PDB file of N, CA and C in Angstrom:
ATOM      1  N   MET A   1       0.846  -1.170   0.000  1.00  0.00           N
ATOM      2  CA  MET A   1       0.000   0.000   0.000  1.00  0.00           C
ATOM      3  C   MET A   1       0.892   1.234   0.000  1.00  0.00           C
ATOM      4  N   ASN A   2       0.565   2.196  -0.822  1.00  0.00           N
ATOM      5  CA  ASN A   2       1.360   3.404  -0.950  1.00  0.00           C
ATOM      6  C   ASN A   2       0.649   4.569  -0.279  1.00  0.00           C
ATOM      7  N   LEU A   3       1.280   5.151   0.731  1.00  0.00           N
ATOM      8  CA  LEU A   3       0.707   6.275   1.459  1.00  0.00           C
ATOM      9  C   LEU A   3       1.523   7.542   1.268  1.00  0.00           C
ATOM     10  N   SER A   4       2.229   7.627   0.176  1.00  0.00           N
ATOM     11  CA  SER A   4       3.108   8.765  -0.035  1.00  0.00           C
ATOM     12  C   SER A   4       2.345  10.070  -0.211  1.00  0.00           C
ATOM     13  N   GLY A   5       1.053  10.015  -0.516  1.00  0.00           N
ATOM     14  CA  GLY A   5       0.269  11.222  -0.703  1.00  0.00           C
ATOM     15  C   GLY A   5      -0.165  11.869   0.600  1.00  0.00           C
ATOM     16  N   ILE A   6       0.056  11.206   1.728  1.00  0.00           N
ATOM     17  CA  ILE A   6      -0.366  11.730   3.022  1.00  0.00           C
ATOM     18  C   ILE A   6       0.801  12.440   3.684  1.00  0.00           C
ATOM     19  N   SER A   7       0.573  13.668   4.087  1.00  0.00           N
ATOM     20  CA  SER A   7       1.623  14.458   4.725  1.00  0.00           C
ATOM     21  C   SER A   7       1.856  13.970   6.148  1.00  0.00           C
ATOM     22  N   PRO A   8       3.115  13.736   6.551  1.00  0.00           N
ATOM     23  CA  PRO A   8       3.384  13.278   7.916  1.00  0.00           C
ATOM     24  C   PRO A   8       3.124  14.356   8.962  1.00  0.00           C
ATOM     25  N   SER A   9       3.028  15.603   8.545  1.00  0.00           N
ATOM     26  CA  SER A   9       2.789  16.674   9.510  1.00  0.00           C
ATOM     27  C   SER A   9       1.302  16.961   9.684  1.00  0.00           C
ATOM     28  N   LEU A  10       0.454  16.195   9.007  1.00  0.00           N
ATOM     29  CA  LEU A  10      -0.984  16.379   9.117  1.00  0.00           C
ATOM     30  C   LEU A  10      -1.447  16.013  10.519  1.00  0.00           C
ATOM     31  N   GLN A  11      -2.200  16.905  11.147  1.00  0.00           N
ATOM     32  CA  GLN A  11      -2.661  16.689  12.509  1.00  0.00           C
ATOM     33  C   GLN A  11      -4.062  16.095  12.498  1.00  0.00           C
ATOM     34  N   PRO A  12      -4.345  15.141  13.400  1.00  0.00           N
ATOM     35  CA  PRO A  12      -5.699  14.604  13.462  1.00  0.00           C
ATOM     36  C   PRO A  12      -6.650  15.671  14.005  1.00  0.00           C
ATOM     37  N   SER A  13      -7.907  15.628  13.569  1.00  0.00           N
ATOM     38  CA  SER A  13      -8.872  16.632  13.996  1.00  0.00           C
ATOM     39  C   SER A  13      -9.644  16.207  15.235  1.00  0.00           C
ATOM     40  N   PHE A  14      -9.241  15.133  15.875  1.00  0.00           N
ATOM     41  CA  PHE A  14      -9.895  14.690  17.090  1.00  0.00           C
ATOM     42  C   PHE A  14      -8.848  14.382  18.134  1.00  0.00           C
ATOM     43  N   SER A  15      -9.279  14.342  19.382  1.00  0.00           N
ATOM     44  CA  SER A  15      -8.352  13.968  20.446  1.00  0.00           C
ATOM     45  C   SER A  15      -9.029  12.982  21.365  1.00  0.00           C
ATOM     46  N   MET A  16      -8.260  12.074  21.872  1.00  0.00           N
ATOM     47  CA  MET A  16      -8.782  11.082  22.788  1.00  0.00           C
ATOM     48  C   MET A  16      -8.789  11.674  24.190  1.00  0.00           C
ATOM     49  N   PRO A  17      -9.827  11.405  24.976  1.00  0.00           N
ATOM     50  CA  PRO A  17      -9.828  11.912  26.348  1.00  0.00           C
ATOM     51  C   PRO A  17      -8.750  11.229  27.163  1.00  0.00           C
ATOM     52  N   SER A  18      -8.074  12.003  27.992  1.00  0.00           N
ATOM     53  CA  SER A  18      -7.022  11.421  28.802  1.00  0.00           C
ATOM     54  C   SER A  18      -7.628  10.697  29.983  1.00  0.00           C
ATOM     55  N   GLN A  19      -7.043   9.577  30.348  1.00  0.00           N
ATOM     56  CA  GLN A  19      -7.585   8.752  31.413  1.00  0.00           C
ATOM     57  C   GLN A  19      -6.476   8.305  32.340  1.00  0.00           C
ATOM     58  N   GLY A  20      -5.768   9.241  32.944  1.00  0.00           N
ATOM     59  CA  GLY A  20      -4.777   8.862  33.927  1.00  0.00           C
ATOM     60  C   GLY A  20      -3.379   9.292  33.569  1.00  0.00           C
ATOM     61  N   ALA A  21      -2.458   8.972  34.462  1.00  0.00           N
ATOM     62  CA  ALA A  21      -1.075   9.402  34.316  1.00  0.00           C
ATOM     63  C   ALA A  21      -0.415   8.752  33.100  1.00  0.00           C
ATOM     64  N   GLY A  22      -0.742   7.515  32.815  1.00  0.00           N
ATOM     65  CA  GLY A  22      -0.153   6.826  31.673  1.00  0.00           C
ATOM     66  C   GLY A  22      -0.481   7.519  30.369  1.00  0.00           C
ATOM     67  N   ASP A  23      -1.735   7.943  30.232  1.00  0.00           N
ATOM     68  CA  ASP A  23      -2.142   8.653  29.029  1.00  0.00           C
ATOM     69  C   ASP A  23      -1.476  10.019  28.954  1.00  0.00           C
ATOM     70  N   ALA A  24      -1.312  10.680  30.087  1.00  0.00           N
ATOM     71  CA  ALA A  24      -0.650  11.981  30.103  1.00  0.00           C
ATOM     72  C   ALA A  24       0.803  11.832  29.665  1.00  0.00           C
ATOM     73  N   ASP A  25       1.462  10.774  30.128  1.00  0.00           N
ATOM     74  CA  ASP A  25       2.843  10.527  29.719  1.00  0.00           C
ATOM     75  C   ASP A  25       2.926  10.251  28.224  1.00  0.00           C
ATOM     76  N   THR A  26       1.971   9.474  27.719  1.00  0.00           N
ATOM     77  CA  THR A  26       1.946   9.155  26.296  1.00  0.00           C
ATOM     78  C   THR A  26       1.734  10.414  25.472  1.00  0.00           C
ATOM     79  N   LYS A  27       0.803  11.254  25.911  1.00  0.00           N
ATOM     80  CA  LYS A  27       0.527  12.502  25.188  1.00  0.00           C
ATOM     81  C   LYS A  27       1.736  13.427  25.250  1.00  0.00           C
ATOM     82  N   LEU A  28       2.387  13.462  26.402  1.00  0.00           N
ATOM     83  CA  LEU A  28       3.572  14.307  26.566  1.00  0.00           C
ATOM     84  C   LEU A  28       4.678  13.868  25.611  1.00  0.00           C
ATOM     85  N   LYS A  29       4.907  12.582  25.521  1.00  0.00           N
ATOM     86  CA  LYS A  29       5.937  12.068  24.607  1.00  0.00           C
ATOM     87  C   LYS A  29       5.589  12.375  23.157  1.00  0.00           C
ATOM     88  N   ALA A  30       4.306  12.242  22.805  1.00  0.00           N
ATOM     89  CA  ALA A  30       3.875  12.527  21.440  1.00  0.00           C
ATOM     90  C   ALA A  30       4.082  14.008  21.115  1.00  0.00           C
ATOM     91  N   LEU A  31       3.755  14.872  22.069  1.00  0.00           N
ATOM     92  CA  LEU A  31       3.956  16.304  21.853  1.00  0.00           C
ATOM     93  C   LEU A  31       5.430  16.645  21.710  1.00  0.00           C
ATOM     94  N   GLU A  32       6.281  15.992  22.486  1.00  0.00           N
ATOM     95  CA  GLU A  32       7.716  16.247  22.385  1.00  0.00           C
ATOM     96  C   GLU A  32       8.261  15.789  21.042  1.00  0.00           C
ATOM     97  N   ARG A  33       7.765  14.656  20.538  1.00  0.00           N
ATOM     98  CA  ARG A  33       8.181  14.193  19.206  1.00  0.00           C
ATOM     99  C   ARG A  33       7.718  15.185  18.133  1.00  0.00           C
ATOM    100  N   GLN A  34       6.486  15.670  18.289  1.00  0.00           N
ATOM    101  CA  GLN A  34       5.945  16.629  17.332  1.00  0.00           C
ATOM    102  C   GLN A  34       6.751  17.927  17.366  1.00  0.00           C
ATOM    103  N   LEU A  35       7.142  18.341  18.562  1.00  0.00           N
ATOM    104  CA  LEU A  35       7.957  19.543  18.714  1.00  0.00           C
ATOM    105  C   LEU A  35       9.300  19.374  18.005  1.00  0.00           C
ATOM    106  N   GLN A  36       9.886  18.213  18.166  1.00  0.00           N
ATOM    107  CA  GLN A  36      11.162  17.925  17.513  1.00  0.00           C
ATOM    108  C   GLN A  36      11.008  17.986  15.984  1.00  0.00           C
ATOM    109  N   GLN A  37       9.913  17.423  15.495  1.00  0.00           N
ATOM    110  CA  GLN A  37       9.670  17.425  14.052  1.00  0.00           C
ATOM    111  C   GLN A  37       9.471  18.861  13.543  1.00  0.00           C
ATOM    112  N   LEU A  38       8.734  19.673  14.301  1.00  0.00           N
ATOM    113  CA  LEU A  38       8.507  21.060  13.888  1.00  0.00           C
ATOM    114  C   LEU A  38       9.804  21.861  13.890  1.00  0.00           C
ATOM    115  N   ASN A  39      10.674  21.580  14.853  1.00  0.00           N
ATOM    116  CA  ASN A  39      11.972  22.277  14.867  1.00  0.00           C
ATOM    117  C   ASN A  39      12.784  21.935  13.626  1.00  0.00           C
ATOM    118  N   GLN A  40      12.705  20.683  13.176  1.00  0.00           N
ATOM    119  CA  GLN A  40      13.405  20.293  11.952  1.00  0.00           C
ATOM    120  C   GLN A  40      12.805  21.008  10.740  1.00  0.00           C
ATOM    121  N   GLU A  41      11.466  21.095  10.712  1.00  0.00           N
ATOM    122  CA  GLU A  41      10.809  21.791   9.608  1.00  0.00           C
ATOM    123  C   GLU A  41      11.169  23.278   9.622  1.00  0.00           C
ATOM    124  N   LYS A  42      11.290  23.842  10.818  1.00  0.00           N
ATOM    125  CA  LYS A  42      11.664  25.255  10.940  1.00  0.00           C
ATOM    126  C   LYS A  42      13.070  25.468  10.375  1.00  0.00           C
ATOM    127  N   GLN A  43      13.990  24.549  10.688  1.00  0.00           N
ATOM    128  CA  GLN A  43      15.352  24.665  10.161  1.00  0.00           C
ATOM    129  C   GLN A  43      15.352  24.624   8.637  1.00  0.00           C
ATOM    130  N   LYS A  44      14.519  23.764   8.061  1.00  0.00           N
ATOM    131  CA  LYS A  44      14.428  23.693   6.599  1.00  0.00           C
ATOM    132  C   LYS A  44      13.885  24.993   6.032  1.00  0.00           C
ATOM    133  N   ALA A  45      12.869  25.568   6.718  1.00  0.00           N
ATOM    134  CA  ALA A  45      12.295  26.833   6.257  1.00  0.00           C
ATOM    135  C   ALA A  45      13.343  27.946   6.312  1.00  0.00           C
ATOM    136  N   VAL A  46      14.173  27.942   7.358  1.00  0.00           N
ATOM    137  CA  VAL A  46      15.236  28.945   7.480  1.00  0.00           C
ATOM    138  C   VAL A  46      16.250  28.751   6.348  1.00  0.00           C
ATOM    139  N   GLN A  47      16.617  27.513   6.084  1.00  0.00           N
ATOM    140  CA  GLN A  47      17.579  27.237   5.009  1.00  0.00           C
ATOM    141  C   GLN A  47      17.028  27.669   3.649  1.00  0.00           C
ATOM    142  N   ASN A  48      15.696  27.482   3.473  1.00  0.00           N
ATOM    143  CA  ASN A  48      15.051  27.859   2.210  1.00  0.00           C
ATOM    144  C   ASN A  48      14.660  29.332   2.176  1.00  0.00           C
ATOM    145  N   LYS A  49      14.960  30.036   3.266  1.00  0.00           N
ATOM    146  CA  LYS A  49      14.643  31.463   3.395  1.00  0.00           C
ATOM    147  C   LYS A  49      13.150  31.733   3.186  1.00  0.00           C
ATOM    148  N   ASP A  50      12.337  30.847   3.756  1.00  0.00           N
ATOM    149  CA  ASP A  50      10.872  30.960   3.665  1.00  0.00           C
ATOM    150  C   ASP A  50      10.352  31.514   4.989  1.00  0.00           C
ATOM    151  N   GLU A  51      10.278  32.846   5.057  1.00  0.00           N
ATOM    152  CA  GLU A  51       9.893  33.523   6.302  1.00  0.00           C
ATOM    153  C   GLU A  51       8.459  33.203   6.705  1.00  0.00           C
ATOM    154  N   GLU A  52       7.581  33.088   5.728  1.00  0.00           N
ATOM    155  CA  GLU A  52       6.173  32.810   6.029  1.00  0.00           C
ATOM    156  C   GLU A  52       6.026  31.436   6.691  1.00  0.00           C
ATOM    157  N   ALA A  53       6.669  30.429   6.135  1.00  0.00           N
ATOM    158  CA  ALA A  53       6.609  29.081   6.706  1.00  0.00           C
ATOM    159  C   ALA A  53       7.258  29.063   8.087  1.00  0.00           C
ATOM    160  N   LYS A  54       8.363  29.793   8.218  1.00  0.00           N
ATOM    161  CA  LYS A  54       9.070  29.860   9.505  1.00  0.00           C
ATOM    162  C   LYS A  54       8.162  30.422  10.586  1.00  0.00           C
ATOM    163  N   LYS A  55       7.465  31.526  10.287  1.00  0.00           N
ATOM    164  CA  LYS A  55       6.572  32.144  11.270  1.00  0.00           C
ATOM    165  C   LYS A  55       5.416  31.217  11.629  1.00  0.00           C
ATOM    166  N   LYS A  56       4.872  30.528  10.647  1.00  0.00           N
ATOM    167  CA  LYS A  56       3.769  29.598  10.880  1.00  0.00           C
ATOM    168  C   LYS A  56       4.232  28.447  11.792  1.00  0.00           C
ATOM    169  N   ILE A  57       5.404  27.929  11.517  1.00  0.00           N
ATOM    170  CA  ILE A  57       5.953  26.833  12.318  1.00  0.00           C
ATOM    171  C   ILE A  57       6.266  27.310  13.729  1.00  0.00           C
ATOM    172  N   GLU A  58       6.778  28.525  13.860  1.00  0.00           N
ATOM    173  CA  GLU A  58       7.078  29.069  15.193  1.00  0.00           C
ATOM    174  C   GLU A  58       5.813  29.181  16.045  1.00  0.00           C
ATOM    175  N   LYS A  59       4.695  29.559  15.422  1.00  0.00           N
ATOM    176  CA  LYS A  59       3.419  29.633  16.155  1.00  0.00           C
ATOM    177  C   LYS A  59       3.004  28.242  16.642  1.00  0.00           C
ATOM    178  N   GLU A  60       3.164  27.251  15.771  1.00  0.00           N
ATOM    179  CA  GLU A  60       2.831  25.881  16.154  1.00  0.00           C
ATOM    180  C   GLU A  60       3.732  25.400  17.296  1.00  0.00           C
ATOM    181  N   ILE A  61       5.013  25.750  17.209  1.00  0.00           N
ATOM    182  CA  ILE A  61       5.970  25.362  18.253  1.00  0.00           C
ATOM    183  C   ILE A  61       5.559  25.968  19.590  1.00  0.00           C
ATOM    184  N   GLU A  62       5.194  27.251  19.575  1.00  0.00           N
ATOM    185  CA  GLU A  62       4.765  27.908  20.812  1.00  0.00           C
ATOM    186  C   GLU A  62       3.526  27.242  21.393  1.00  0.00           C
ATOM    187  N   LYS A  63       2.593  26.889  20.536  1.00  0.00           N
ATOM    188  CA  LYS A  63       1.354  26.236  20.979  1.00  0.00           C
ATOM    189  C   LYS A  63       1.672  24.890  21.644  1.00  0.00           C
ATOM    190  N   ILE A  64       2.537  24.122  21.022  1.00  0.00           N
ATOM    191  CA  ILE A  64       2.884  22.810  21.565  1.00  0.00           C
ATOM    192  C   ILE A  64       3.675  22.960  22.859  1.00  0.00           C
ATOM    193  N   GLU A  65       4.569  23.941  22.907  1.00  0.00           N
ATOM    194  CA  GLU A  65       5.331  24.164  24.146  1.00  0.00           C
ATOM    195  C   GLU A  65       4.407  24.525  25.303  1.00  0.00           C
ATOM    196  N   ARG A  66       3.364  25.311  25.025  1.00  0.00           N
ATOM    197  CA  ARG A  66       2.387  25.644  26.078  1.00  0.00           C
ATOM    198  C   ARG A  66       1.646  24.388  26.543  1.00  0.00           C
ATOM    199  N   GLU A  67       1.268  23.526  25.596  1.00  0.00           N
ATOM    200  CA  GLU A  67       0.585  22.279  25.952  1.00  0.00           C
ATOM    201  C   GLU A  67       1.491  21.391  26.807  1.00  0.00           C
ATOM    202  N   ILE A  68       2.765  21.319  26.436  1.00  0.00           N
ATOM    203  CA  ILE A  68       3.717  20.501  27.194  1.00  0.00           C
ATOM    204  C   ILE A  68       3.849  21.041  28.608  1.00  0.00           C
ATOM    205  N   GLN A  69       3.986  22.362  28.747  1.00  0.00           N
ATOM    206  CA  GLN A  69       4.099  22.957  30.081  1.00  0.00           C
ATOM    207  C   GLN A  69       2.837  22.701  30.899  1.00  0.00           C
ATOM    208  N   LYS A  70       1.680  22.798  30.255  1.00  0.00           N
ATOM    209  CA  LYS A  70       0.409  22.546  30.940  1.00  0.00           C
ATOM    210  C   LYS A  70       0.348  21.108  31.447  1.00  0.00           C
ATOM    211  N   LEU A  71       0.730  20.155  30.604  1.00  0.00           N
ATOM    212  CA  LEU A  71       0.718  18.753  31.010  1.00  0.00           C
ATOM    213  C   LEU A  71       1.698  18.495  32.149  1.00  0.00           C
ATOM    214  N   LYS A  72       2.881  19.091  32.059  1.00  0.00           N
ATOM    215  CA  LYS A  72       3.874  18.901  33.120  1.00  0.00           C
ATOM    216  C   LYS A  72       3.374  19.492  34.436  1.00  0.00           C
ATOM    217  N   GLN A  73       2.709  20.645  34.373  1.00  0.00           N
ATOM    218  CA  GLN A  73       2.168  21.275  35.576  1.00  0.00           C
ATOM    219  C   GLN A  73       1.067  20.408  36.174  1.00  0.00           C
ATOM    220  N   GLN A  74       0.192  19.876  35.334  1.00  0.00           N
ATOM    221  CA  GLN A  74      -0.882  18.997  35.814  1.00  0.00           C
ATOM    222  C   GLN A  74      -0.296  17.748  36.454  1.00  0.00           C
ATOM    223  N   LYS A  75       0.778  17.247  35.870  1.00  0.00           N
ATOM    224  CA  LYS A  75       1.414  16.039  36.396  1.00  0.00           C
ATOM    225  C   LYS A  75       1.995  16.312  37.780  1.00  0.00           C
ATOM    226  N   LYS A  76       2.559  17.521  37.983  1.00  0.00           N
ATOM    227  CA  LYS A  76       3.107  17.881  39.289  1.00  0.00           C
ATOM    228  C   LYS A  76       2.003  18.038  40.327  1.00  0.00           C
ATOM    229  N   GLU A  77       0.877  18.660  39.926  1.00  0.00           N
ATOM    230  CA  GLU A  77      -0.203  18.939  40.850  1.00  0.00           C
ATOM    231  C   GLU A  77      -1.017  17.703  41.203  1.00  0.00           C
ATOM    232  N   THR A  78      -1.123  16.759  40.293  1.00  0.00           N
ATOM    233  CA  THR A  78      -1.917  15.560  40.523  1.00  0.00           C
ATOM    234  C   THR A  78      -1.016  14.447  41.021  1.00  0.00           C
ATOM    235  N   PRO A  79      -1.207  14.004  42.270  1.00  0.00           N
ATOM    236  CA  PRO A  79      -0.391  12.886  42.756  1.00  0.00           C
ATOM    237  C   PRO A  79      -0.759  11.616  42.005  1.00  0.00           C
ATOM    238  N   GLU A  80       0.226  10.784  41.835  1.00  0.00           N
ATOM    239  CA  GLU A  80      -0.030   9.528  41.130  1.00  0.00           C
ATOM    240  C   GLU A  80      -1.025   8.698  41.898  1.00  0.00           C
ATOM    241  N   GLU A  81      -1.988   8.170  41.159  1.00  0.00           N
ATOM    242  CA  GLU A  81      -2.990   7.334  41.798  1.00  0.00           C
ATOM    243  C   GLU A  81      -2.385   5.971  42.091  1.00  0.00           C
ATOM    244  N   THR A  82      -2.625   5.502  43.291  1.00  0.00           N
ATOM    245  CA  THR A  82      -2.152   4.172  43.644  1.00  0.00           C
ATOM    246  C   THR A  82      -3.331   3.229  43.570  1.00  0.00           C
ATOM    247  N   SER A  83      -3.061   2.015  43.222  1.00  0.00           N
ATOM    248  CA  SER A  83      -4.146   1.047  43.140  1.00  0.00           C
ATOM    249  C   SER A  83      -4.598   0.687  44.548  1.00  0.00           C
ATOM    250  N   PRO A  84      -5.902   0.581  44.734  1.00  0.00           N
ATOM    251  CA  PRO A  84      -6.400   0.278  46.084  1.00  0.00           C
ATOM    252  C   PRO A  84      -5.979  -1.117  46.518  1.00  0.00           C
ATOM    253  N   GLN A  85      -5.540  -1.216  47.740  1.00  0.00           N
ATOM    254  CA  GLN A  85      -5.136  -2.501  48.292  1.00  0.00           C
ATOM    255  C   GLN A  85      -6.359  -3.222  48.831  1.00  0.00           C
ATOM    256  N   ALA A  86      -6.368  -4.511  48.748  1.00  0.00           N
ATOM    257  CA  ALA A  86      -7.477  -5.297  49.279  1.00  0.00           C
ATOM    258  C   ALA A  86      -7.350  -5.335  50.800  1.00  0.00           C
ATOM    259  N   ASP A  87      -8.057  -4.446  51.457  1.00  0.00           N
ATOM    260  CA  ASP A  87      -8.039  -4.377  52.913  1.00  0.00           C
ATOM    261  C   ASP A  87      -9.429  -4.741  53.414  1.00  0.00           C
ATOM    262  N   PRO A  88      -9.592  -5.922  53.987  1.00  0.00           N
ATOM    263  CA  PRO A  88     -10.923  -6.354  54.405  1.00  0.00           C
ATOM    264  C   PRO A  88     -11.535  -5.457  55.480  1.00  0.00           C
ATOM    265  N   THR A  89     -10.739  -4.731  56.239  1.00  0.00           N
ATOM    266  CA  THR A  89     -11.296  -3.874  57.278  1.00  0.00           C
ATOM    267  C   THR A  89     -11.969  -2.641  56.700  1.00  0.00           C
ATOM    268  N   GLU A  90     -11.682  -2.304  55.430  1.00  0.00           N
ATOM    269  CA  GLU A  90     -12.303  -1.152  54.807  1.00  0.00           C
ATOM    270  C   GLU A  90     -13.634  -1.493  54.162  1.00  0.00           C
ATOM    271  N   ASN A  91     -13.972  -2.739  54.085  1.00  0.00           N
ATOM    272  CA  ASN A  91     -15.232  -3.162  53.511  1.00  0.00           C
ATOM    273  C   ASN A  91     -16.339  -2.966  54.537  1.00  0.00           C
ATOM    274  N   PRO A  92     -17.461  -2.307  54.181  1.00  0.00           N
ATOM    275  CA  PRO A  92     -18.519  -2.049  55.149  1.00  0.00           C
ATOM    276  C   PRO A  92     -19.091  -3.311  55.800  1.00  0.00           C
ATOM    277  N   VAL A  93     -19.039  -4.441  55.105  1.00  0.00           N
ATOM    278  CA  VAL A  93     -19.555  -5.681  55.685  1.00  0.00           C
ATOM    279  C   VAL A  93     -18.785  -6.035  56.947  1.00  0.00           C
ATOM    280  N   PHE A  94     -17.484  -5.786  56.972  1.00  0.00           N
ATOM    281  CA  PHE A  94     -16.662  -6.145  58.118  1.00  0.00           C
ATOM    282  C   PHE A  94     -16.740  -5.116  59.246  1.00  0.00           C
ATOM    283  N   GLN A  95     -17.426  -4.008  59.019  1.00  0.00           N
ATOM    284  CA  GLN A  95     -17.544  -2.991  60.048  1.00  0.00           C
ATOM    285  C   GLN A  95     -18.854  -3.099  60.817  1.00  0.00           C
ATOM    286  N   SER A  96     -19.628  -4.124  60.545  1.00  0.00           N
ATOM    287  CA  SER A  96     -20.900  -4.315  61.222  1.00  0.00           C
ATOM    288  C   SER A  96     -20.673  -4.607  62.703  1.00  0.00           C
ATOM    289  N   PRO A  97     -21.402  -3.923  63.633  1.00  0.00           N
ATOM    290  CA  PRO A  97     -21.192  -4.140  65.067  1.00  0.00           C
ATOM    291  C   PRO A  97     -21.620  -5.534  65.530  1.00  0.00           C
ATOM    292  N   ASP A  98     -22.545  -6.175  64.816  1.00  0.00           N
ATOM    293  CA  ASP A  98     -23.012  -7.491  65.239  1.00  0.00           C
ATOM    294  C   ASP A  98     -22.354  -8.613  64.455  1.00  0.00           C
ATOM    295  N   LEU A  99     -21.251  -8.313  63.784  1.00  0.00           N
ATOM    296  CA  LEU A  99     -20.557  -9.330  63.016  1.00  0.00           C
ATOM    297  C   LEU A  99     -20.031 -10.398  63.956  1.00  0.00           C
ATOM    298  N   GLY A 100     -20.287 -11.608  63.642  1.00  0.00           N
ATOM    299  CA  GLY A 100     -19.845 -12.715  64.477  1.00  0.00           C
ATOM    300  C   GLY A 100     -20.920 -13.167  65.463  1.00  0.00           C
ATOM    301  N   ASN A 101     -22.018 -12.459  65.551  1.00  0.00           N
ATOM    302  CA  ASN A 101     -23.105 -12.835  66.450  1.00  0.00           C
ATOM    303  C   ASN A 101     -24.142 -13.691  65.750  1.00  0.00           C
ATOM    304  N   GLN A 102     -23.912 -14.014  64.497  1.00  0.00           N
ATOM    305  CA  GLN A 102     -24.847 -14.824  63.735  1.00  0.00           C
ATOM    306  C   GLN A 102     -24.525 -16.300  63.939  1.00  0.00           C
ATOM    307  N   VAL A 103     -25.564 -17.095  64.066  1.00  0.00           N
ATOM    308  CA  VAL A 103     -25.402 -18.541  64.268  1.00  0.00           C
ATOM    309  C   VAL A 103     -25.965 -19.246  63.049  1.00  0.00           C
ATOM    310  N   ASP A 104     -25.201 -20.193  62.523  1.00  0.00           N
ATOM    311  CA  ASP A 104     -25.633 -20.966  61.365  1.00  0.00           C
ATOM    312  C   ASP A 104     -26.526 -22.101  61.885  1.00  0.00           C
ATOM    313  N   VAL A 105     -27.806 -21.982  61.680  1.00  0.00           N
ATOM    314  CA  VAL A 105     -28.725 -23.000  62.187  1.00  0.00           C
ATOM    315  C   VAL A 105     -28.740 -24.251  61.334  1.00  0.00           C
ATOM    316  N   TYR A 106     -28.198 -24.209  60.147  1.00  0.00           N
ATOM    317  CA  TYR A 106     -28.183 -25.361  59.266  1.00  0.00           C
ATOM    318  C   TYR A 106     -26.891 -26.148  59.369  1.00  0.00           C
ATOM    319  N   GLY A 107     -25.923 -25.656  60.114  1.00  0.00           N
ATOM    320  CA  GLY A 107     -24.629 -26.268  60.173  1.00  0.00           C
ATOM    321  C   GLY A 107     -24.441 -27.322  61.158  1.00  0.00           C
TER     322      GLY A 107
END
């Protein structure tokens, strides 16, 4: 299959909702890769003396840098969620005051 007609810099028009620290890390890495790619495109625009493309790319770079900073700030403010431990004392059934006062009449 030939996909040469599709531009690698084309951005998807939808975004997946983030669902936890793992997704935030994944999004952060993707944004950093995109930033790296835009910096390379900016260098090409500078070499080609294309000021219009350079300015457009710089705006995109600034936008992505703001998103990266926002994600990093959210990551600092949100403590990592720990998986709940199976603690039988936290289950409401085990907190009943009459627990153990039941007699099995069939036993």
